[in-house]
Amino acid sequence: MLGFLHWKKRDKDTEEFYAFFKNILGFKPRNVDLYKLAFLHKSKSKEMHHGIKLNNERLEYLGDAVLSAVIADFLFKKYPYQGEGFLTEMRSKIVSRANLNRLAQKIGLSRLIRYNRDNPGLYKSIDGDAFEALVGAIYLEKGYKFTRHIIIDRLVNIYMDIDALATSDWNFKSKLIDWGQKERKKVSFEVVQVIAGHRKQYETRVLIDGAPHESAIEFSIKAAEQLAAEKTYKKMFNTPK
């Protein structure tokens, strides 16, 4: 059905594709086209009958929900005495677009994504989006239990330092505003653009005394402000990224 997604046998892309599943995820995909669809960005959409465009957005939508449920379950069991606020903040840290982008790059997923390379700067969340689409594909083929195993045992426990995340500073927006009050500088945020899609994304920018600073893109204005504040704070005070 998705035959146009096939890559030639023994070419570099195919070898990289199978090596990724074997070395990183630890299993061999059966429905290869499903996983290749997970790596097909909307900028490379394939048009089907009746104008339907085929890309990874539907899988991303599904993977987002599955990932959120898996991480919520994982945190609930890992931290039996922590309250809702802590658990919610931890989940936000783990599934934030910035964190998923970093994870996708660490595991080599970024190299498998097919997208229009003429304007790569436009696709700031492409890595994290493809990661969620991959989760959606694994869930469709293997079910929830297997997907949870892959996310937690093969990815989170190996490529993320959860304990470090738990103690890391998250609320950079408050820190930046507090700094502004002490220094008598006005810190504000503006929405630069709303990016259409199956889920809207928001690009927000930090303004200090009206001057533009760092910007960020996330699926909510609040999350985008938080990430933009973090980038601005770290750049201003030369703190580690």
C-alpha atoms as a PDB file:
ATOM      1  CA  MET A   1       0.000   0.000   0.000  1.00  0.00           C
ATOM      2  CA  LEU A   2       2.839   2.389   0.840  1.00  0.00           C
ATOM      3  CA  GLY A   3       5.259   0.956  -1.671  1.00  0.00           C
ATOM      4  CA  PHE A   4       6.613   4.354  -2.675  1.00  0.00           C
ATOM      5  CA  LEU A   5       8.221   4.591   0.763  1.00  0.00           C
ATOM      6  CA  HIS A   6      10.577   1.693   0.038  1.00  0.00           C
ATOM      7  CA  TRP A   7      14.264   2.426  -0.224  1.00  0.00           C
ATOM      8  CA  LYS A   8      16.551   0.465  -2.524  1.00  0.00           C
ATOM      9  CA  LYS A   9      18.096  -2.685  -1.086  1.00  0.00           C
ATOM     10  CA  ARG A  10      21.524  -2.328   0.471  1.00  0.00           C
ATOM     11  CA  ASP A  11      21.674   1.449   0.013  1.00  0.00           C
ATOM     12  CA  LYS A  12      23.007   3.594   2.842  1.00  0.00           C
ATOM     13  CA  ASP A  13      19.561   4.755   4.001  1.00  0.00           C
ATOM     14  CA  THR A  14      18.254   1.196   4.276  1.00  0.00           C
ATOM     15  CA  GLU A  15      21.305   0.025   6.217  1.00  0.00           C
ATOM     16  CA  GLU A  16      20.961   2.975   8.605  1.00  0.00           C
ATOM     17  CA  PHE A  17      17.254   2.273   9.023  1.00  0.00           C
ATOM     18  CA  TYR A  18      17.744  -1.351  10.076  1.00  0.00           C
ATOM     19  CA  ALA A  19      20.803  -0.546  12.190  1.00  0.00           C
ATOM     20  CA  PHE A  20      18.731   1.982  14.133  1.00  0.00           C
ATOM     21  CA  PHE A  21      16.101  -0.602  15.032  1.00  0.00           C
ATOM     22  CA  LYS A  22      18.630  -3.309  15.854  1.00  0.00           C
ATOM     23  CA  ASN A  23      21.101  -1.252  17.881  1.00  0.00           C
ATOM     24  CA  ILE A  24      18.883   1.360  19.522  1.00  0.00           C
ATOM     25  CA  LEU A  25      15.433  -0.198  19.820  1.00  0.00           C
ATOM     26  CA  GLY A  26      16.468  -3.850  19.901  1.00  0.00           C
ATOM     27  CA  PHE A  27      13.860  -5.304  17.542  1.00  0.00           C
ATOM     28  CA  LYS A  28      13.303  -5.880  13.842  1.00  0.00           C
ATOM     29  CA  PRO A  29      10.292  -4.061  12.375  1.00  0.00           C
ATOM     30  CA  ARG A  30       7.731  -6.179  10.549  1.00  0.00           C
ATOM     31  CA  ASN A  31       5.640  -3.427   8.984  1.00  0.00           C
ATOM     32  CA  VAL A  32       8.554  -1.496   7.504  1.00  0.00           C
ATOM     33  CA  ASP A  33       6.368   0.983   5.609  1.00  0.00           C
ATOM     34  CA  LEU A  34       4.629   2.004   8.839  1.00  0.00           C
ATOM     35  CA  TYR A  35       7.934   3.020  10.390  1.00  0.00           C
ATOM     36  CA  LYS A  36       9.143   4.766   7.268  1.00  0.00           C
ATOM     37  CA  LEU A  37       5.912   6.741   7.344  1.00  0.00           C
ATOM     38  CA  ALA A  38       6.818   7.805  10.891  1.00  0.00           C
ATOM     39  CA  PHE A  39       9.950   9.397   9.440  1.00  0.00           C
ATOM     40  CA  LEU A  40       8.128  11.197   6.593  1.00  0.00           C
ATOM     41  CA  HIS A  41       7.796  14.901   7.450  1.00  0.00           C
ATOM     42  CA  LYS A  42       4.863  16.897   6.091  1.00  0.00           C
ATOM     43  CA  SER A  43       7.235  18.893   3.851  1.00  0.00           C
ATOM     44  CA  LYS A  44       7.720  15.647   1.909  1.00  0.00           C
ATOM     45  CA  SER A  45       4.059  14.584   1.978  1.00  0.00           C
ATOM     46  CA  LYS A  46       2.898  12.056  -0.586  1.00  0.00           C
ATOM     47  CA  GLU A  47      -0.450  12.927  -2.177  1.00  0.00           C
ATOM     48  CA  MET A  48      -2.894  10.034  -2.362  1.00  0.00           C
ATOM     49  CA  HIS A  49      -6.343   9.730  -3.886  1.00  0.00           C
ATOM     50  CA  HIS A  50      -8.865  12.536  -3.275  1.00  0.00           C
ATOM     51  CA  GLY A  51      -6.104  14.962  -2.285  1.00  0.00           C
ATOM     52  CA  ILE A  52      -5.208  13.154   0.939  1.00  0.00           C
ATOM     53  CA  LYS A  53      -1.618  13.882   1.956  1.00  0.00           C
ATOM     54  CA  LEU A  54       0.369  11.134   3.597  1.00  0.00           C
ATOM     55  CA  ASN A  55       2.956  12.090   6.239  1.00  0.00           C
ATOM     56  CA  ASN A  56       3.786  11.372   9.886  1.00  0.00           C
ATOM     57  CA  GLU A  57       1.350  13.821  11.507  1.00  0.00           C
ATOM     58  CA  ARG A  58      -1.335  11.254  12.380  1.00  0.00           C
ATOM     59  CA  LEU A  59       1.267   8.934  13.909  1.00  0.00           C
ATOM     60  CA  GLU A  60       2.694  11.899  15.820  1.00  0.00           C
ATOM     61  CA  TYR A  61      -0.752  12.632  17.259  1.00  0.00           C
ATOM     62  CA  LEU A  62      -1.117   9.029  18.420  1.00  0.00           C
ATOM     63  CA  GLY A  63       2.450   8.805  19.724  1.00  0.00           C
ATOM     64  CA  ASP A  64       2.046  11.982  21.761  1.00  0.00           C
ATOM     65  CA  ALA A  65      -0.875  10.447  23.665  1.00  0.00           C
ATOM     66  CA  VAL A  66       0.870   7.107  24.180  1.00  0.00           C
ATOM     67  CA  LEU A  67       4.125   8.736  25.300  1.00  0.00           C
ATOM     68  CA  SER A  68       2.305  10.948  27.785  1.00  0.00           C
ATOM     69  CA  ALA A  69       0.519   7.933  29.295  1.00  0.00           C
ATOM     70  CA  VAL A  70       3.715   5.860  29.502  1.00  0.00           C
ATOM     71  CA  ILE A  71       5.688   8.656  31.185  1.00  0.00           C
ATOM     72  CA  ALA A  72       2.848   9.413  33.607  1.00  0.00           C
ATOM     73  CA  ASP A  73       2.700   5.732  34.612  1.00  0.00           C
ATOM     74  CA  PHE A  74       6.501   5.540  34.929  1.00  0.00           C
ATOM     75  CA  LEU A  75       6.717   8.627  37.151  1.00  0.00           C
ATOM     76  CA  PHE A  76       3.754   7.578  39.293  1.00  0.00           C
ATOM     77  CA  LYS A  77       5.572   4.346  40.175  1.00  0.00           C
ATOM     78  CA  LYS A  78       9.070   5.824  40.423  1.00  0.00           C
ATOM     79  CA  TYR A  79       8.036   8.580  42.852  1.00  0.00           C
ATOM     80  CA  PRO A  80       5.340   7.042  45.118  1.00  0.00           C
ATOM     81  CA  TYR A  81       5.459   9.866  47.660  1.00  0.00           C
ATOM     82  CA  GLN A  82       5.551  12.887  45.365  1.00  0.00           C
ATOM     83  CA  GLY A  83       2.493  15.034  44.750  1.00  0.00           C
ATOM     84  CA  GLU A  84       0.652  15.931  41.575  1.00  0.00           C
ATOM     85  CA  GLY A  85       2.592  19.154  41.041  1.00  0.00           C
ATOM     86  CA  PHE A  86       5.964  17.418  41.017  1.00  0.00           C
ATOM     87  CA  LEU A  87       4.722  14.619  38.748  1.00  0.00           C
ATOM     88  CA  THR A  88       3.159  17.064  36.290  1.00  0.00           C
ATOM     89  CA  GLU A  89       6.315  19.172  36.138  1.00  0.00           C
ATOM     90  CA  MET A  90       8.502  16.105  35.635  1.00  0.00           C
ATOM     91  CA  ARG A  91       6.315  14.836  32.817  1.00  0.00           C
ATOM     92  CA  SER A  92       6.480  18.267  31.183  1.00  0.00           C
ATOM     93  CA  LYS A  93      10.272  18.210  31.374  1.00  0.00           C
ATOM     94  CA  ILE A  94      10.509  14.761  29.822  1.00  0.00           C
ATOM     95  CA  VAL A  95       8.020  15.243  26.961  1.00  0.00           C
ATOM     96  CA  SER A  96       8.928  18.857  26.203  1.00  0.00           C
ATOM     97  CA  ARG A  97       9.746  19.455  22.564  1.00  0.00           C
ATOM     98  CA  ALA A  98      13.294  20.545  23.445  1.00  0.00           C
ATOM     99  CA  ASN A  99      13.955  17.336  25.395  1.00  0.00           C
ATOM    100  CA  LEU A 100      12.462  15.091  22.693  1.00  0.00           C
ATOM    101  CA  ASN A 101      14.505  16.914  20.047  1.00  0.00           C
ATOM    102  CA  ARG A 102      17.668  16.187  22.039  1.00  0.00           C
ATOM    103  CA  LEU A 103      16.682  12.545  22.524  1.00  0.00           C
ATOM    104  CA  ALA A 104      15.963  12.049  18.814  1.00  0.00           C
ATOM    105  CA  GLN A 105      19.370  13.502  17.971  1.00  0.00           C
ATOM    106  CA  LYS A 106      21.152  11.353  20.578  1.00  0.00           C
ATOM    107  CA  ILE A 107      19.752   8.087  19.265  1.00  0.00           C
ATOM    108  CA  GLY A 108      20.341   8.937  15.604  1.00  0.00           C
ATOM    109  CA  LEU A 109      16.665   9.245  14.679  1.00  0.00           C
ATOM    110  CA  SER A 110      17.257  12.644  13.061  1.00  0.00           C
ATOM    111  CA  ARG A 111      19.280  11.083  10.249  1.00  0.00           C
ATOM    112  CA  LEU A 112      16.313   8.953   9.178  1.00  0.00           C
ATOM    113  CA  ILE A 113      13.802  11.782   8.765  1.00  0.00           C
ATOM    114  CA  ARG A 114      12.788  12.630   5.209  1.00  0.00           C
ATOM    115  CA  TYR A 115      11.983  16.316   4.797  1.00  0.00           C
ATOM    116  CA  ASN A 116      12.418  19.205   2.390  1.00  0.00           C
ATOM    117  CA  ARG A 117      16.000  20.277   3.005  1.00  0.00           C
ATOM    118  CA  ASP A 118      15.647  23.612   1.173  1.00  0.00           C
ATOM    119  CA  ASN A 119      14.520  25.388   4.356  1.00  0.00           C
ATOM    120  CA  PRO A 120      15.638  23.218   7.311  1.00  0.00           C
ATOM    121  CA  GLY A 121      15.478  26.161   9.739  1.00  0.00           C
ATOM    122  CA  LEU A 122      11.689  26.206   9.439  1.00  0.00           C
ATOM    123  CA  TYR A 123      11.304  22.814  11.082  1.00  0.00           C
ATOM    124  CA  LYS A 124      12.408  23.461  14.655  1.00  0.00           C
ATOM    125  CA  SER A 125      10.441  20.582  16.172  1.00  0.00           C
ATOM    126  CA  ILE A 126      10.983  18.043  13.393  1.00  0.00           C
ATOM    127  CA  ASP A 127      13.098  15.670  15.533  1.00  0.00           C
ATOM    128  CA  GLY A 128      10.710  15.502  18.476  1.00  0.00           C
ATOM    129  CA  ASP A 129       7.730  15.200  16.135  1.00  0.00           C
ATOM    130  CA  ALA A 130       9.312  12.214  14.385  1.00  0.00           C
ATOM    131  CA  PHE A 131      10.100  10.621  17.738  1.00  0.00           C
ATOM    132  CA  GLU A 132       6.424  10.830  18.736  1.00  0.00           C
ATOM    133  CA  ALA A 133       5.431   9.421  15.337  1.00  0.00           C
ATOM    134  CA  LEU A 134       7.822   6.515  15.931  1.00  0.00           C
ATOM    135  CA  VAL A 135       6.133   5.843  19.280  1.00  0.00           C
ATOM    136  CA  GLY A 136       2.787   5.827  17.483  1.00  0.00           C
ATOM    137  CA  ALA A 137       4.075   3.323  14.926  1.00  0.00           C
ATOM    138  CA  ILE A 138       5.486   0.997  17.598  1.00  0.00           C
ATOM    139  CA  TYR A 139       2.181   1.145  19.467  1.00  0.00           C
ATOM    140  CA  LEU A 140       0.177   0.245  16.348  1.00  0.00           C
ATOM    141  CA  GLU A 141       2.379  -2.736  15.529  1.00  0.00           C
ATOM    142  CA  LYS A 142       3.341  -4.000  18.990  1.00  0.00           C
ATOM    143  CA  GLY A 143       0.762  -2.702  21.475  1.00  0.00           C
ATOM    144  CA  TYR A 144       1.034  -0.720  24.699  1.00  0.00           C
ATOM    145  CA  LYS A 145       3.097  -3.129  26.830  1.00  0.00           C
ATOM    146  CA  PHE A 146       5.870  -3.508  24.255  1.00  0.00           C
ATOM    147  CA  THR A 147       5.848   0.245  23.531  1.00  0.00           C
ATOM    148  CA  ARG A 148       6.255   1.005  27.226  1.00  0.00           C
ATOM    149  CA  HIS A 149       9.215  -1.378  27.362  1.00  0.00           C
ATOM    150  CA  ILE A 150      10.917   0.407  24.456  1.00  0.00           C
ATOM    151  CA  ILE A 151      10.283   3.906  25.830  1.00  0.00           C
ATOM    152  CA  ILE A 152      11.378   3.166  29.397  1.00  0.00           C
ATOM    153  CA  ASP A 153      13.969   0.382  29.127  1.00  0.00           C
ATOM    154  CA  ARG A 154      15.589   1.203  25.791  1.00  0.00           C
ATOM    155  CA  LEU A 155      15.332   4.997  25.780  1.00  0.00           C
ATOM    156  CA  VAL A 156      14.497   6.785  29.042  1.00  0.00           C
ATOM    157  CA  ASN A 157      16.682   4.637  31.312  1.00  0.00           C
ATOM    158  CA  ILE A 158      19.618   4.742  28.897  1.00  0.00           C
ATOM    159  CA  TYR A 159      19.527   8.202  27.350  1.00  0.00           C
ATOM    160  CA  MET A 160      17.915  10.367  30.046  1.00  0.00           C
ATOM    161  CA  ASP A 161      19.140  11.214  33.540  1.00  0.00           C
ATOM    162  CA  ILE A 162      15.790  11.314  35.318  1.00  0.00           C
ATOM    163  CA  ASP A 163      17.265  12.116  38.726  1.00  0.00           C
ATOM    164  CA  ALA A 164      19.131  15.076  37.253  1.00  0.00           C
ATOM    165  CA  LEU A 165      15.922  16.255  35.583  1.00  0.00           C
ATOM    166  CA  ALA A 166      14.135  16.026  38.929  1.00  0.00           C
ATOM    167  CA  THR A 167      16.587  18.454  40.527  1.00  0.00           C
ATOM    168  CA  SER A 168      17.083  20.718  37.509  1.00  0.00           C
ATOM    169  CA  ASP A 169      15.728  24.229  37.447  1.00  0.00           C
ATOM    170  CA  TRP A 170      12.624  24.319  35.267  1.00  0.00           C
ATOM    171  CA  ASN A 171      10.911  27.609  35.961  1.00  0.00           C
ATOM    172  CA  PHE A 172      13.251  29.924  34.084  1.00  0.00           C
ATOM    173  CA  LYS A 173      10.362  32.240  33.324  1.00  0.00           C
ATOM    174  CA  SER A 174      10.006  33.097  37.020  1.00  0.00           C
ATOM    175  CA  LYS A 175      13.783  33.393  37.394  1.00  0.00           C
ATOM    176  CA  LEU A 176      13.976  35.788  34.453  1.00  0.00           C
ATOM    177  CA  ILE A 177      11.086  37.901  35.737  1.00  0.00           C
ATOM    178  CA  ASP A 178      12.635  38.011  39.238  1.00  0.00           C
ATOM    179  CA  TRP A 179      15.926  39.153  37.726  1.00  0.00           C
ATOM    180  CA  GLY A 180      14.087  41.865  35.777  1.00  0.00           C
ATOM    181  CA  GLN A 181      12.395  43.162  38.914  1.00  0.00           C
ATOM    182  CA  LYS A 182      15.709  43.375  40.768  1.00  0.00           C
ATOM    183  CA  GLU A 183      17.418  45.106  37.853  1.00  0.00           C
ATOM    184  CA  ARG A 184      14.415  47.329  37.103  1.00  0.00           C
ATOM    185  CA  LYS A 185      14.014  45.901  33.633  1.00  0.00           C
ATOM    186  CA  LYS A 186      10.712  44.948  32.068  1.00  0.00           C
ATOM    187  CA  VAL A 187      10.566  41.280  31.040  1.00  0.00           C
ATOM    188  CA  SER A 188       7.676  40.337  28.765  1.00  0.00           C
ATOM    189  CA  PHE A 189       6.762  37.761  26.155  1.00  0.00           C
ATOM    190  CA  GLU A 190       5.162  37.990  22.735  1.00  0.00           C
ATOM    191  CA  VAL A 191       3.710  35.439  20.352  1.00  0.00           C
ATOM    192  CA  VAL A 192       5.671  35.765  17.131  1.00  0.00           C
ATOM    193  CA  GLN A 193       3.592  33.330  15.094  1.00  0.00           C
ATOM    194  CA  VAL A 194       1.046  30.550  15.340  1.00  0.00           C
ATOM    195  CA  ILE A 195       2.063  27.543  13.250  1.00  0.00           C
ATOM    196  CA  ALA A 196      -0.888  25.646  11.780  1.00  0.00           C
ATOM    197  CA  GLY A 197      -1.072  21.862  11.808  1.00  0.00           C
ATOM    198  CA  HIS A 198      -3.027  19.022  13.370  1.00  0.00           C
ATOM    199  CA  ARG A 199      -1.824  20.598  16.620  1.00  0.00           C
ATOM    200  CA  LYS A 200      -1.096  24.304  16.671  1.00  0.00           C
ATOM    201  CA  GLN A 201       2.391  25.374  17.673  1.00  0.00           C
ATOM    202  CA  TYR A 202       3.310  28.752  19.092  1.00  0.00           C
ATOM    203  CA  GLU A 203       6.539  30.646  18.649  1.00  0.00           C
ATOM    204  CA  THR A 204       7.104  33.092  21.481  1.00  0.00           C
ATOM    205  CA  ARG A 205       9.935  35.523  22.120  1.00  0.00           C
ATOM    206  CA  VAL A 206      11.365  37.149  25.215  1.00  0.00           C
ATOM    207  CA  LEU A 207      11.426  40.938  25.319  1.00  0.00           C
ATOM    208  CA  ILE A 208      13.601  42.816  27.813  1.00  0.00           C
ATOM    209  CA  ASP A 209      12.752  46.527  27.894  1.00  0.00           C
ATOM    210  CA  GLY A 210      11.139  45.941  24.522  1.00  0.00           C
ATOM    211  CA  ALA A 211      14.279  44.497  22.921  1.00  0.00           C
ATOM    212  CA  PRO A 212      13.882  41.007  21.409  1.00  0.00           C
ATOM    213  CA  HIS A 213      15.894  38.109  22.807  1.00  0.00           C
ATOM    214  CA  GLU A 214      15.566  34.313  22.399  1.00  0.00           C
ATOM    215  CA  SER A 215      12.497  32.605  20.944  1.00  0.00           C
ATOM    216  CA  ALA A 216      11.101  29.070  21.137  1.00  0.00           C
ATOM    217  CA  ILE A 217       8.367  26.924  19.636  1.00  0.00           C
ATOM    218  CA  GLU A 218       6.078  24.639  21.625  1.00  0.00           C
ATOM    219  CA  PHE A 219       2.533  23.295  21.556  1.00  0.00           C
ATOM    220  CA  SER A 220       1.286  25.751  24.168  1.00  0.00           C
ATOM    221  CA  ILE A 221       2.105  29.417  24.737  1.00  0.00           C
ATOM    222  CA  LYS A 222       3.074  28.680  28.338  1.00  0.00           C
ATOM    223  CA  ALA A 223       5.555  25.969  27.343  1.00  0.00           C
ATOM    224  CA  ALA A 224       7.022  28.143  24.574  1.00  0.00           C
ATOM    225  CA  GLU A 225       7.482  31.030  27.018  1.00  0.00           C
ATOM    226  CA  GLN A 226       9.209  28.716  29.468  1.00  0.00           C
ATOM    227  CA  LEU A 227      11.641  27.424  26.859  1.00  0.00           C
ATOM    228  CA  ALA A 228      12.326  30.907  25.458  1.00  0.00           C
ATOM    229  CA  ALA A 229      12.992  32.150  29.000  1.00  0.00           C
ATOM    230  CA  GLU A 230      15.389  29.255  29.621  1.00  0.00           C
ATOM    231  CA  LYS A 231      17.331  29.964  26.415  1.00  0.00           C
ATOM    232  CA  THR A 232      17.505  33.681  27.236  1.00  0.00           C
ATOM    233  CA  TYR A 233      18.571  33.141  30.852  1.00  0.00           C
ATOM    234  CA  LYS A 234      21.305  30.654  29.938  1.00  0.00           C
ATOM    235  CA  LYS A 235      22.628  32.892  27.181  1.00  0.00           C
ATOM    236  CA  MET A 236      22.648  35.975  29.407  1.00  0.00           C
ATOM    237  CA  PHE A 237      24.407  34.255  32.316  1.00  0.00           C
ATOM    238  CA  ASN A 238      26.493  31.740  30.337  1.00  0.00           C
ATOM    239  CA  THR A 239      25.067  28.773  32.197  1.00  0.00           C
ATOM    240  CA  PRO A 240      25.462  25.234  30.733  1.00  0.00           C
ATOM    241  CA  LYS A 241      22.826  24.189  28.220  1.00  0.00           C
END
